[in-house]
Amino acid sequence: MAFNETLSNRVREELADVTRVEEKLMFGGICFMVNDKMCIGIVGDEMMCRIGPQAYEQAVEKNGVREMIFTGRPMVGYVFVDQHVLSSKKDLRYWVDLCLKFNEHAKSSKKKAKKK
């Protein structure tokens, strides 16, 4: 699945002043890792936002936002935001800031040991 290059470039611009950002291809899209933690992704025409469980309930009530379903179950703390509700810089910045705020407290996933 291809991902929206325009949206990924807009996110990249918003993260330009953030330290320790790494881009990885995953989920058929691109993921922006911040401080070695999954933070924001672009899958198709949606932005995957890791916002944490406290912001989750309010977020899924917003227009253009849906829960992230993985292996048939919702992933609490993660949502998909449709590109159409991210059309303004202010709207995009809202979601980027929400992701970065949670990233400060998020736990890193354990890294797999490299095979020798």
PDB file of N, CA and C in Angstrom:
ATOM      1  N   MET A   1       0.837  -1.181   0.000  1.00  0.00           N
ATOM      2  CA  MET A   1       0.000   0.000   0.000  1.00  0.00           C
ATOM      3  C   MET A   1       0.882   1.246   0.000  1.00  0.00           C
ATOM      4  N   ALA A   2       0.590   2.160  -0.883  1.00  0.00           N
ATOM      5  CA  ALA A   2       1.327   3.419  -0.938  1.00  0.00           C
ATOM      6  C   ALA A   2       0.810   4.350   0.146  1.00  0.00           C
ATOM      7  N   PHE A   3       1.672   5.268   0.558  1.00  0.00           N
ATOM      8  CA  PHE A   3       1.235   6.234   1.556  1.00  0.00           C
ATOM      9  C   PHE A   3       1.288   7.631   0.956  1.00  0.00           C
ATOM     10  N   ASN A   4       0.521   8.522   1.520  1.00  0.00           N
ATOM     11  CA  ASN A   4       0.385   9.881   1.022  1.00  0.00           C
ATOM     12  C   ASN A   4       1.688  10.657   1.258  1.00  0.00           C
ATOM     13  N   GLU A   5       2.442  10.886   0.198  1.00  0.00           N
ATOM     14  CA  GLU A   5       3.734  11.577   0.281  1.00  0.00           C
ATOM     15  C   GLU A   5       3.569  13.029   0.732  1.00  0.00           C
ATOM     16  N   THR A   6       2.508  13.671   0.277  1.00  0.00           N
ATOM     17  CA  THR A   6       2.280  15.068   0.655  1.00  0.00           C
ATOM     18  C   THR A   6       2.060  15.181   2.154  1.00  0.00           C
ATOM     19  N   LEU A   7       1.226  14.305   2.698  1.00  0.00           N
ATOM     20  CA  LEU A   7       0.968  14.315   4.136  1.00  0.00           C
ATOM     21  C   LEU A   7       2.235  13.962   4.916  1.00  0.00           C
ATOM     22  N   SER A   8       3.000  12.992   4.445  1.00  0.00           N
ATOM     23  CA  SER A   8       4.232  12.634   5.145  1.00  0.00           C
ATOM     24  C   SER A   8       5.234  13.790   5.123  1.00  0.00           C
ATOM     25  N   ASN A   9       5.288  14.538   4.029  1.00  0.00           N
ATOM     26  CA  ASN A   9       6.173  15.706   3.963  1.00  0.00           C
ATOM     27  C   ASN A   9       5.719  16.802   4.922  1.00  0.00           C
ATOM     28  N   ARG A  10       4.416  16.968   5.070  1.00  0.00           N
ATOM     29  CA  ARG A  10       3.899  17.970   6.015  1.00  0.00           C
ATOM     30  C   ARG A  10       4.260  17.579   7.451  1.00  0.00           C
ATOM     31  N   VAL A  11       4.137  16.301   7.775  1.00  0.00           N
ATOM     32  CA  VAL A  11       4.517  15.827   9.111  1.00  0.00           C
ATOM     33  C   VAL A  11       6.016  16.010   9.311  1.00  0.00           C
ATOM     34  N   ARG A  12       6.794  15.670   8.304  1.00  0.00           N
ATOM     35  CA  ARG A  12       8.251  15.829   8.363  1.00  0.00           C
ATOM     36  C   ARG A  12       8.616  17.290   8.680  1.00  0.00           C
ATOM     37  N   GLU A  13       7.921  18.225   8.047  1.00  0.00           N
ATOM     38  CA  GLU A  13       8.161  19.645   8.306  1.00  0.00           C
ATOM     39  C   GLU A  13       7.822  20.005   9.758  1.00  0.00           C
ATOM     40  N   GLU A  14       6.735  19.456  10.276  1.00  0.00           N
ATOM     41  CA  GLU A  14       6.326  19.742  11.654  1.00  0.00           C
ATOM     42  C   GLU A  14       7.329  19.166  12.663  1.00  0.00           C
ATOM     43  N   LEU A  15       8.005  18.108  12.275  1.00  0.00           N
ATOM     44  CA  LEU A  15       8.969  17.463  13.167  1.00  0.00           C
ATOM     45  C   LEU A  15      10.403  17.949  12.947  1.00  0.00           C
ATOM     46  N   ALA A  16      10.583  18.922  12.070  1.00  0.00           N
ATOM     47  CA  ALA A  16      11.934  19.373  11.687  1.00  0.00           C
ATOM     48  C   ALA A  16      12.769  19.831  12.880  1.00  0.00           C
ATOM     49  N   ASP A  17      12.164  20.434  13.874  1.00  0.00           N
ATOM     50  CA  ASP A  17      12.909  20.944  15.026  1.00  0.00           C
ATOM     51  C   ASP A  17      12.947  19.967  16.201  1.00  0.00           C
ATOM     52  N   VAL A  18      12.390  18.787  16.016  1.00  0.00           N
ATOM     53  CA  VAL A  18      12.371  17.775  17.072  1.00  0.00           C
ATOM     54  C   VAL A  18      13.636  16.928  16.952  1.00  0.00           C
ATOM     55  N   THR A  19      14.287  16.685  18.077  1.00  0.00           N
ATOM     56  CA  THR A  19      15.496  15.857  18.042  1.00  0.00           C
ATOM     57  C   THR A  19      15.113  14.389  18.107  1.00  0.00           C
ATOM     58  N   ARG A  20      16.035  13.556  17.663  1.00  0.00           N
ATOM     59  CA  ARG A  20      15.907  12.105  17.708  1.00  0.00           C
ATOM     60  C   ARG A  20      14.666  11.578  16.971  1.00  0.00           C
ATOM     61  N   VAL A  21      14.478  12.039  15.750  1.00  0.00           N
ATOM     62  CA  VAL A  21      13.409  11.549  14.880  1.00  0.00           C
ATOM     63  C   VAL A  21      14.032  10.611  13.864  1.00  0.00           C
ATOM     64  N   GLU A  22      13.420   9.458  13.707  1.00  0.00           N
ATOM     65  CA  GLU A  22      13.874   8.472  12.731  1.00  0.00           C
ATOM     66  C   GLU A  22      12.663   8.005  11.930  1.00  0.00           C
ATOM     67  N   GLU A  23      12.843   7.819  10.655  1.00  0.00           N
ATOM     68  CA  GLU A  23      11.761   7.350   9.793  1.00  0.00           C
ATOM     69  C   GLU A  23      11.969   5.883   9.467  1.00  0.00           C
ATOM     70  N   LYS A  24      10.882   5.120   9.571  1.00  0.00           N
ATOM     71  CA  LYS A  24      10.935   3.691   9.243  1.00  0.00           C
ATOM     72  C   LYS A  24       9.726   3.333   8.401  1.00  0.00           C
ATOM     73  N   LEU A  25       9.945   2.470   7.416  1.00  0.00           N
ATOM     74  CA  LEU A  25       8.828   1.957   6.637  1.00  0.00           C
ATOM     75  C   LEU A  25       8.199   0.799   7.412  1.00  0.00           C
ATOM     76  N   MET A  26       6.914   0.919   7.698  1.00  0.00           N
ATOM     77  CA  MET A  26       6.189  -0.160   8.385  1.00  0.00           C
ATOM     78  C   MET A  26       4.689   0.023   8.183  1.00  0.00           C
ATOM     79  N   PHE A  27       3.944  -1.033   8.391  1.00  0.00           N
ATOM     80  CA  PHE A  27       2.478  -1.040   8.232  1.00  0.00           C
ATOM     81  C   PHE A  27       2.056  -0.645   6.819  1.00  0.00           C
ATOM     82  N   GLY A  28       2.908  -0.833   5.847  1.00  0.00           N
ATOM     83  CA  GLY A  28       2.588  -0.420   4.492  1.00  0.00           C
ATOM     84  C   GLY A  28       2.652   1.086   4.319  1.00  0.00           C
ATOM     85  N   GLY A  29       3.297   1.751   5.265  1.00  0.00           N
ATOM     86  CA  GLY A  29       3.424   3.205   5.210  1.00  0.00           C
ATOM     87  C   GLY A  29       4.751   3.623   5.803  1.00  0.00           C
ATOM     88  N   ILE A  30       4.756   4.815   6.376  1.00  0.00           N
ATOM     89  CA  ILE A  30       5.963   5.334   7.003  1.00  0.00           C
ATOM     90  C   ILE A  30       5.651   5.687   8.451  1.00  0.00           C
ATOM     91  N   CYS A  31       6.609   5.419   9.320  1.00  0.00           N
ATOM     92  CA  CYS A  31       6.446   5.706  10.738  1.00  0.00           C
ATOM     93  C   CYS A  31       7.547   6.659  11.172  1.00  0.00           C
ATOM     94  N   PHE A  32       7.155   7.673  11.907  1.00  0.00           N
ATOM     95  CA  PHE A  32       8.103   8.619  12.486  1.00  0.00           C
ATOM     96  C   PHE A  32       8.310   8.219  13.941  1.00  0.00           C
ATOM     97  N   MET A  33       9.506   7.740  14.217  1.00  0.00           N
ATOM     98  CA  MET A  33       9.874   7.341  15.569  1.00  0.00           C
ATOM     99  C   MET A  33      10.520   8.552  16.239  1.00  0.00           C
ATOM    100  N   VAL A  34      10.124   8.843  17.455  1.00  0.00           N
ATOM    101  CA  VAL A  34      10.710   9.940  18.223  1.00  0.00           C
ATOM    102  C   VAL A  34      11.257   9.347  19.510  1.00  0.00           C
ATOM    103  N   ASN A  35      12.526   9.572  19.766  1.00  0.00           N
ATOM    104  CA  ASN A  35      13.190   8.991  20.950  1.00  0.00           C
ATOM    105  C   ASN A  35      13.051   7.467  20.987  1.00  0.00           C
ATOM    106  N   ASP A  36      13.200   6.841  19.821  1.00  0.00           N
ATOM    107  CA  ASP A  36      13.100   5.386  19.666  1.00  0.00           C
ATOM    108  C   ASP A  36      11.719   4.838  19.992  1.00  0.00           C
ATOM    109  N   LYS A  37      10.684   5.685  19.922  1.00  0.00           N
ATOM    110  CA  LYS A  37       9.312   5.260  20.202  1.00  0.00           C
ATOM    111  C   LYS A  37       8.412   5.636  19.031  1.00  0.00           C
ATOM    112  N   MET A  38       7.512   4.727  18.675  1.00  0.00           N
ATOM    113  CA  MET A  38       6.554   5.001  17.623  1.00  0.00           C
ATOM    114  C   MET A  38       5.727   6.219  18.023  1.00  0.00           C
ATOM    115  N   CYS A  39       5.628   7.188  17.115  1.00  0.00           N
ATOM    116  CA  CYS A  39       4.934   8.430  17.446  1.00  0.00           C
ATOM    117  C   CYS A  39       3.822   8.745  16.440  1.00  0.00           C
ATOM    118  N   ILE A  40       4.187   8.846  15.159  1.00  0.00           N
ATOM    119  CA  ILE A  40       3.257   9.227  14.103  1.00  0.00           C
ATOM    120  C   ILE A  40       3.531   8.349  12.895  1.00  0.00           C
ATOM    121  N   GLY A  41       2.486   7.966  12.199  1.00  0.00           N
ATOM    122  CA  GLY A  41       2.658   7.208  10.969  1.00  0.00           C
ATOM    123  C   GLY A  41       1.734   7.727   9.887  1.00  0.00           C
ATOM    124  N   ILE A  42       2.077   7.449   8.669  1.00  0.00           N
ATOM    125  CA  ILE A  42       1.213   7.749   7.534  1.00  0.00           C
ATOM    126  C   ILE A  42       0.946   6.415   6.842  1.00  0.00           C
ATOM    127  N   VAL A  43      -0.321   6.043   6.795  1.00  0.00           N
ATOM    128  CA  VAL A  43      -0.747   4.812   6.136  1.00  0.00           C
ATOM    129  C   VAL A  43      -1.857   5.210   5.170  1.00  0.00           C
ATOM    130  N   GLY A  44      -1.613   5.017   3.907  1.00  0.00           N
ATOM    131  CA  GLY A  44      -2.574   5.474   2.904  1.00  0.00           C
ATOM    132  C   GLY A  44      -2.725   6.985   3.003  1.00  0.00           C
ATOM    133  N   ASP A  45      -3.979   7.424   3.168  1.00  0.00           N
ATOM    134  CA  ASP A  45      -4.270   8.852   3.305  1.00  0.00           C
ATOM    135  C   ASP A  45      -4.620   9.230   4.733  1.00  0.00           C
ATOM    136  N   GLU A  46      -4.167   8.429   5.682  1.00  0.00           N
ATOM    137  CA  GLU A  46      -4.462   8.702   7.084  1.00  0.00           C
ATOM    138  C   GLU A  46      -3.182   8.859   7.883  1.00  0.00           C
ATOM    139  N   MET A  47      -3.296   9.614   8.958  1.00  0.00           N
ATOM    140  CA  MET A  47      -2.190   9.775   9.881  1.00  0.00           C
ATOM    141  C   MET A  47      -2.492   8.913  11.103  1.00  0.00           C
ATOM    142  N   MET A  48      -1.568   8.012  11.412  1.00  0.00           N
ATOM    143  CA  MET A  48      -1.681   7.194  12.610  1.00  0.00           C
ATOM    144  C   MET A  48      -1.064   7.990  13.744  1.00  0.00           C
ATOM    145  N   CYS A  49      -1.823   8.189  14.799  1.00  0.00           N
ATOM    146  CA  CYS A  49      -1.374   9.000  15.923  1.00  0.00           C
ATOM    147  C   CYS A  49      -1.335   8.157  17.191  1.00  0.00           C
ATOM    148  N   ARG A  50      -0.178   8.121  17.824  1.00  0.00           N
ATOM    149  CA  ARG A  50      -0.045   7.462  19.126  1.00  0.00           C
ATOM    150  C   ARG A  50      -0.247   8.551  20.180  1.00  0.00           C
ATOM    151  N   ILE A  51      -1.450   8.577  20.757  1.00  0.00           N
ATOM    152  CA  ILE A  51      -1.828   9.664  21.656  1.00  0.00           C
ATOM    153  C   ILE A  51      -2.009   9.217  23.097  1.00  0.00           C
ATOM    154  N   GLY A  52      -1.977   7.906  23.322  1.00  0.00           N
ATOM    155  CA  GLY A  52      -2.118   7.394  24.680  1.00  0.00           C
ATOM    156  C   GLY A  52      -3.558   7.184  25.085  1.00  0.00           C
ATOM    157  N   PRO A  53      -3.772   6.363  26.110  1.00  0.00           N
ATOM    158  CA  PRO A  53      -5.128   6.007  26.521  1.00  0.00           C
ATOM    159  C   PRO A  53      -5.931   7.167  27.107  1.00  0.00           C
ATOM    160  N   GLN A  54      -5.289   8.134  27.706  1.00  0.00           N
ATOM    161  CA  GLN A  54      -6.044   9.234  28.316  1.00  0.00           C
ATOM    162  C   GLN A  54      -6.696  10.141  27.282  1.00  0.00           C
ATOM    163  N   ALA A  55      -6.065  10.360  26.151  1.00  0.00           N
ATOM    164  CA  ALA A  55      -6.612  11.216  25.100  1.00  0.00           C
ATOM    165  C   ALA A  55      -7.480  10.433  24.110  1.00  0.00           C
ATOM    166  N   TYR A  56      -7.434   9.119  24.200  1.00  0.00           N
ATOM    167  CA  TYR A  56      -8.064   8.243  23.205  1.00  0.00           C
ATOM    168  C   TYR A  56      -9.584   8.417  23.110  1.00  0.00           C
ATOM    169  N   GLU A  57     -10.286   8.344  24.237  1.00  0.00           N
ATOM    170  CA  GLU A  57     -11.759   8.380  24.216  1.00  0.00           C
ATOM    171  C   GLU A  57     -12.286   9.659  23.583  1.00  0.00           C
ATOM    172  N   GLN A  58     -11.694  10.782  23.925  1.00  0.00           N
ATOM    173  CA  GLN A  58     -12.127  12.055  23.366  1.00  0.00           C
ATOM    174  C   GLN A  58     -11.768  12.130  21.882  1.00  0.00           C
ATOM    175  N   ALA A  59     -10.633  11.600  21.518  1.00  0.00           N
ATOM    176  CA  ALA A  59     -10.169  11.675  20.122  1.00  0.00           C
ATOM    177  C   ALA A  59     -11.081  10.907  19.174  1.00  0.00           C
ATOM    178  N   VAL A  60     -11.503   9.703  19.553  1.00  0.00           N
ATOM    179  CA  VAL A  60     -12.306   8.888  18.631  1.00  0.00           C
ATOM    180  C   VAL A  60     -13.698   9.472  18.399  1.00  0.00           C
ATOM    181  N   GLU A  61     -14.096  10.448  19.201  1.00  0.00           N
ATOM    182  CA  GLU A  61     -15.383  11.121  19.005  1.00  0.00           C
ATOM    183  C   GLU A  61     -15.297  12.230  17.959  1.00  0.00           C
ATOM    184  N   LYS A  62     -14.090  12.626  17.588  1.00  0.00           N
ATOM    185  CA  LYS A  62     -13.901  13.730  16.643  1.00  0.00           C
ATOM    186  C   LYS A  62     -14.179  13.281  15.203  1.00  0.00           C
ATOM    187  N   ASN A  63     -14.636  14.219  14.407  1.00  0.00           N
ATOM    188  CA  ASN A  63     -14.905  13.975  12.998  1.00  0.00           C
ATOM    189  C   ASN A  63     -13.614  13.576  12.280  1.00  0.00           C
ATOM    190  N   GLY A  64     -13.667  12.528  11.467  1.00  0.00           N
ATOM    191  CA  GLY A  64     -12.520  12.107  10.674  1.00  0.00           C
ATOM    192  C   GLY A  64     -11.507  11.267  11.427  1.00  0.00           C
ATOM    193  N   VAL A  65     -11.840  10.860  12.649  1.00  0.00           N
ATOM    194  CA  VAL A  65     -10.935  10.059  13.474  1.00  0.00           C
ATOM    195  C   VAL A  65     -11.579   8.695  13.715  1.00  0.00           C
ATOM    196  N   ARG A  66     -10.760   7.664  13.619  1.00  0.00           N
ATOM    197  CA  ARG A  66     -11.265   6.309  13.906  1.00  0.00           C
ATOM    198  C   ARG A  66     -10.227   5.541  14.702  1.00  0.00           C
ATOM    199  N   GLU A  67     -10.714   4.556  15.426  1.00  0.00           N
ATOM    200  CA  GLU A  67      -9.795   3.748  16.220  1.00  0.00           C
ATOM    201  C   GLU A  67      -8.910   2.919  15.304  1.00  0.00           C
ATOM    202  N   MET A  68      -7.754   2.591  15.792  1.00  0.00           N
ATOM    203  CA  MET A  68      -6.828   1.747  15.039  1.00  0.00           C
ATOM    204  C   MET A  68      -7.103   0.305  15.426  1.00  0.00           C
ATOM    205  N   ILE A  69      -7.495  -0.483  14.446  1.00  0.00           N
ATOM    206  CA  ILE A  69      -7.776  -1.906  14.673  1.00  0.00           C
ATOM    207  C   ILE A  69      -6.565  -2.694  14.202  1.00  0.00           C
ATOM    208  N   PHE A  70      -6.042  -3.543  15.058  1.00  0.00           N
ATOM    209  CA  PHE A  70      -4.890  -4.368  14.721  1.00  0.00           C
ATOM    210  C   PHE A  70      -5.181  -5.775  15.208  1.00  0.00           C
ATOM    211  N   THR A  71      -5.070  -6.744  14.343  1.00  0.00           N
ATOM    212  CA  THR A  71      -5.402  -8.152  14.612  1.00  0.00           C
ATOM    213  C   THR A  71      -6.806  -8.279  15.195  1.00  0.00           C
ATOM    214  N   GLY A  72      -7.736  -7.475  14.637  1.00  0.00           N
ATOM    215  CA  GLY A  72      -9.135  -7.595  15.014  1.00  0.00           C
ATOM    216  C   GLY A  72      -9.537  -6.889  16.300  1.00  0.00           C
ATOM    217  N   ARG A  73      -8.593  -6.245  16.975  1.00  0.00           N
ATOM    218  CA  ARG A  73      -8.930  -5.560  18.225  1.00  0.00           C
ATOM    219  C   ARG A  73      -8.457  -4.110  18.174  1.00  0.00           C
ATOM    220  N   PRO A  74      -9.232  -3.224  18.814  1.00  0.00           N
ATOM    221  CA  PRO A  74      -8.786  -1.825  18.832  1.00  0.00           C
ATOM    222  C   PRO A  74      -7.523  -1.664  19.666  1.00  0.00           C
ATOM    223  N   MET A  75      -6.639  -0.825  19.201  1.00  0.00           N
ATOM    224  CA  MET A  75      -5.425  -0.503  19.945  1.00  0.00           C
ATOM    225  C   MET A  75      -5.678   0.815  20.678  1.00  0.00           C
ATOM    226  N   VAL A  76      -6.028   0.697  21.940  1.00  0.00           N
ATOM    227  CA  VAL A  76      -6.321   1.886  22.727  1.00  0.00           C
ATOM    228  C   VAL A  76      -5.061   2.739  22.814  1.00  0.00           C
ATOM    229  N   GLY A  77      -5.228   4.011  22.547  1.00  0.00           N
ATOM    230  CA  GLY A  77      -4.093   4.922  22.551  1.00  0.00           C
ATOM    231  C   GLY A  77      -3.593   5.268  21.167  1.00  0.00           C
ATOM    232  N   TYR A  78      -4.110   4.588  20.150  1.00  0.00           N
ATOM    233  CA  TYR A  78      -3.731   4.846  18.763  1.00  0.00           C
ATOM    234  C   TYR A  78      -4.999   5.152  17.966  1.00  0.00           C
ATOM    235  N   VAL A  79      -4.935   6.170  17.116  1.00  0.00           N
ATOM    236  CA  VAL A  79      -6.058   6.489  16.239  1.00  0.00           C
ATOM    237  C   VAL A  79      -5.539   6.796  14.840  1.00  0.00           C
ATOM    238  N   PHE A  80      -6.450   6.681  13.880  1.00  0.00           N
ATOM    239  CA  PHE A  80      -6.189   7.123  12.516  1.00  0.00           C
ATOM    240  C   PHE A  80      -6.967   8.413  12.291  1.00  0.00           C
ATOM    241  N   VAL A  81      -6.315   9.402  11.709  1.00  0.00           N
ATOM    242  CA  VAL A  81      -6.935  10.683  11.403  1.00  0.00           C
ATOM    243  C   VAL A  81      -6.918  10.855   9.890  1.00  0.00           C
ATOM    244  N   ASP A  82      -8.094  11.072   9.297  1.00  0.00           N
ATOM    245  CA  ASP A  82      -8.216  11.236   7.856  1.00  0.00           C
ATOM    246  C   ASP A  82      -7.537  12.526   7.397  1.00  0.00           C
ATOM    247  N   GLN A  83      -6.894  12.466   6.258  1.00  0.00           N
ATOM    248  CA  GLN A  83      -6.172  13.629   5.721  1.00  0.00           C
ATOM    249  C   GLN A  83      -7.064  14.857   5.579  1.00  0.00           C
ATOM    250  N   HIS A  84      -8.356  14.667   5.352  1.00  0.00           N
ATOM    251  CA  HIS A  84      -9.255  15.797   5.114  1.00  0.00           C
ATOM    252  C   HIS A  84      -9.465  16.664   6.348  1.00  0.00           C
ATOM    253  N   VAL A  85      -9.261  16.112   7.527  1.00  0.00           N
ATOM    254  CA  VAL A  85      -9.383  16.928   8.741  1.00  0.00           C
ATOM    255  C   VAL A  85      -8.014  17.487   9.157  1.00  0.00           C
ATOM    256  N   LEU A  86      -7.020  17.272   8.325  1.00  0.00           N
ATOM    257  CA  LEU A  86      -5.665  17.781   8.568  1.00  0.00           C
ATOM    258  C   LEU A  86      -5.283  18.829   7.534  1.00  0.00           C
ATOM    259  N   SER A  87      -6.269  19.416   6.885  1.00  0.00           N
ATOM    260  CA  SER A  87      -5.975  20.304   5.759  1.00  0.00           C
ATOM    261  C   SER A  87      -5.257  21.586   6.168  1.00  0.00           C
ATOM    262  N   SER A  88      -5.538  22.099   7.350  1.00  0.00           N
ATOM    263  CA  SER A  88      -4.838  23.317   7.762  1.00  0.00           C
ATOM    264  C   SER A  88      -3.601  22.974   8.591  1.00  0.00           C
ATOM    265  N   LYS A  89      -2.655  23.886   8.600  1.00  0.00           N
ATOM    266  CA  LYS A  89      -1.437  23.708   9.406  1.00  0.00           C
ATOM    267  C   LYS A  89      -1.812  23.606  10.882  1.00  0.00           C
ATOM    268  N   LYS A  90      -2.775  24.392  11.312  1.00  0.00           N
ATOM    269  CA  LYS A  90      -3.218  24.386  12.712  1.00  0.00           C
ATOM    270  C   LYS A  90      -3.788  23.018  13.099  1.00  0.00           C
ATOM    271  N   ASP A  91      -4.603  22.429  12.234  1.00  0.00           N
ATOM    272  CA  ASP A  91      -5.189  21.112  12.526  1.00  0.00           C
ATOM    273  C   ASP A  91      -4.118  20.034  12.583  1.00  0.00           C
ATOM    274  N   LEU A  92      -3.184  20.067  11.642  1.00  0.00           N
ATOM    275  CA  LEU A  92      -2.088  19.100  11.650  1.00  0.00           C
ATOM    276  C   LEU A  92      -1.243  19.280  12.912  1.00  0.00           C
ATOM    277  N   ARG A  93      -0.959  20.512  13.262  1.00  0.00           N
ATOM    278  CA  ARG A  93      -0.132  20.807  14.450  1.00  0.00           C
ATOM    279  C   ARG A  93      -0.795  20.283  15.723  1.00  0.00           C
ATOM    280  N   TYR A  94      -2.122  20.367  15.802  1.00  0.00           N
ATOM    281  CA  TYR A  94      -2.845  19.850  16.968  1.00  0.00           C
ATOM    282  C   TYR A  94      -2.517  18.378  17.194  1.00  0.00           C
ATOM    283  N   TRP A  95      -2.601  17.579  16.130  1.00  0.00           N
ATOM    284  CA  TRP A  95      -2.371  16.138  16.252  1.00  0.00           C
ATOM    285  C   TRP A  95      -0.897  15.822  16.483  1.00  0.00           C
ATOM    286  N   VAL A  96      -0.012  16.530  15.816  1.00  0.00           N
ATOM    287  CA  VAL A  96       1.426  16.322  16.028  1.00  0.00           C
ATOM    288  C   VAL A  96       1.767  16.619  17.489  1.00  0.00           C
ATOM    289  N   ASP A  97       1.265  17.733  18.017  1.00  0.00           N
ATOM    290  CA  ASP A  97       1.538  18.093  19.409  1.00  0.00           C
ATOM    291  C   ASP A  97       0.978  17.064  20.380  1.00  0.00           C
ATOM    292  N   LEU A  98      -0.209  16.544  20.090  1.00  0.00           N
ATOM    293  CA  LEU A  98      -0.804  15.517  20.949  1.00  0.00           C
ATOM    294  C   LEU A  98       0.079  14.267  20.972  1.00  0.00           C
ATOM    295  N   CYS A  99       0.594  13.884  19.815  1.00  0.00           N
ATOM    296  CA  CYS A  99       1.488  12.724  19.727  1.00  0.00           C
ATOM    297  C   CYS A  99       2.800  12.978  20.472  1.00  0.00           C
ATOM    298  N   LEU A 100       3.374  14.156  20.287  1.00  0.00           N
ATOM    299  CA  LEU A 100       4.640  14.469  20.945  1.00  0.00           C
ATOM    300  C   LEU A 100       4.478  14.553  22.462  1.00  0.00           C
ATOM    301  N   LYS A 101       3.348  15.051  22.904  1.00  0.00           N
ATOM    302  CA  LYS A 101       3.087  15.133  24.341  1.00  0.00           C
ATOM    303  C   LYS A 101       3.059  13.735  24.959  1.00  0.00           C
ATOM    304  N   PHE A 102       2.359  12.805  24.302  1.00  0.00           N
ATOM    305  CA  PHE A 102       2.314  11.449  24.831  1.00  0.00           C
ATOM    306  C   PHE A 102       3.676  10.769  24.721  1.00  0.00           C
ATOM    307  N   ASN A 103       4.414  11.083  23.671  1.00  0.00           N
ATOM    308  CA  ASN A 103       5.715  10.450  23.456  1.00  0.00           C
ATOM    309  C   ASN A 103       6.657  10.658  24.633  1.00  0.00           C
ATOM    310  N   GLU A 104       6.524  11.784  25.319  1.00  0.00           N
ATOM    311  CA  GLU A 104       7.376  12.059  26.477  1.00  0.00           C
ATOM    312  C   GLU A 104       7.208  11.003  27.569  1.00  0.00           C
ATOM    313  N   HIS A 105       6.003  10.411  27.644  1.00  0.00           N
ATOM    314  CA  HIS A 105       5.693   9.449  28.705  1.00  0.00           C
ATOM    315  C   HIS A 105       5.574   8.012  28.206  1.00  0.00           C
ATOM    316  N   ALA A 106       5.559   7.841  26.897  1.00  0.00           N
ATOM    317  CA  ALA A 106       5.381   6.503  26.311  1.00  0.00           C
ATOM    318  C   ALA A 106       6.581   5.621  26.599  1.00  0.00           C
ATOM    319  N   LYS A 107       6.309   4.353  26.670  1.00  0.00           N
ATOM    320  CA  LYS A 107       7.376   3.382  26.865  1.00  0.00           C
ATOM    321  C   LYS A 107       7.861   2.912  25.501  1.00  0.00           C
ATOM    322  N   SER A 108       9.144   2.666  25.412  1.00  0.00           N
ATOM    323  CA  SER A 108       9.710   2.108  24.180  1.00  0.00           C
ATOM    324  C   SER A 108       9.367   0.632  24.112  1.00  0.00           C
ATOM    325  N   SER A 109       9.155   0.143  22.894  1.00  0.00           N
ATOM    326  CA  SER A 109       8.982  -1.298  22.762  1.00  0.00           C
ATOM    327  C   SER A 109      10.348  -1.942  22.885  1.00  0.00           C
ATOM    328  N   LYS A 110      10.355  -3.151  23.382  1.00  0.00           N
ATOM    329  CA  LYS A 110      11.632  -3.837  23.563  1.00  0.00           C
ATOM    330  C   LYS A 110      12.221  -4.166  22.207  1.00  0.00           C
ATOM    331  N   LYS A 111      13.493  -3.898  22.097  1.00  0.00           N
ATOM    332  CA  LYS A 111      14.187  -4.194  20.840  1.00  0.00           C
ATOM    333  C   LYS A 111      14.536  -5.676  20.804  1.00  0.00           C
ATOM    334  N   LYS A 112      14.380  -6.231  19.636  1.00  0.00           N
ATOM    335  CA  LYS A 112      14.710  -7.636  19.452  1.00  0.00           C
ATOM    336  C   LYS A 112      16.223  -7.799  19.405  1.00  0.00           C
ATOM    337  N   ALA A 113      16.684  -8.832  20.028  1.00  0.00           N
ATOM    338  CA  ALA A 113      18.123  -9.103  20.018  1.00  0.00           C
ATOM    339  C   ALA A 113      18.537  -9.516  18.608  1.00  0.00           C
ATOM    340  N   LYS A 114      19.676  -9.046  18.202  1.00  0.00           N
ATOM    341  CA  LYS A 114      20.182  -9.409  16.870  1.00  0.00           C
ATOM    342  C   LYS A 114      20.732 -10.818  16.912  1.00  0.00           C
ATOM    343  N   LYS A 115      20.426 -11.566  15.866  1.00  0.00           N
ATOM    344  CA  LYS A 115      20.952 -12.911  15.767  1.00  0.00           C
ATOM    345  C   LYS A 115      22.426 -12.870  15.393  1.00  0.00           C
ATOM    346  N   LYS A 116      23.169 -13.716  16.008  1.00  0.00           N
ATOM    347  CA  LYS A 116      24.619 -13.769  15.714  1.00  0.00           C
ATOM    348  C   LYS A 116      24.930 -14.796  14.682  1.00  0.00           C
TER     349      LYS A 116
END
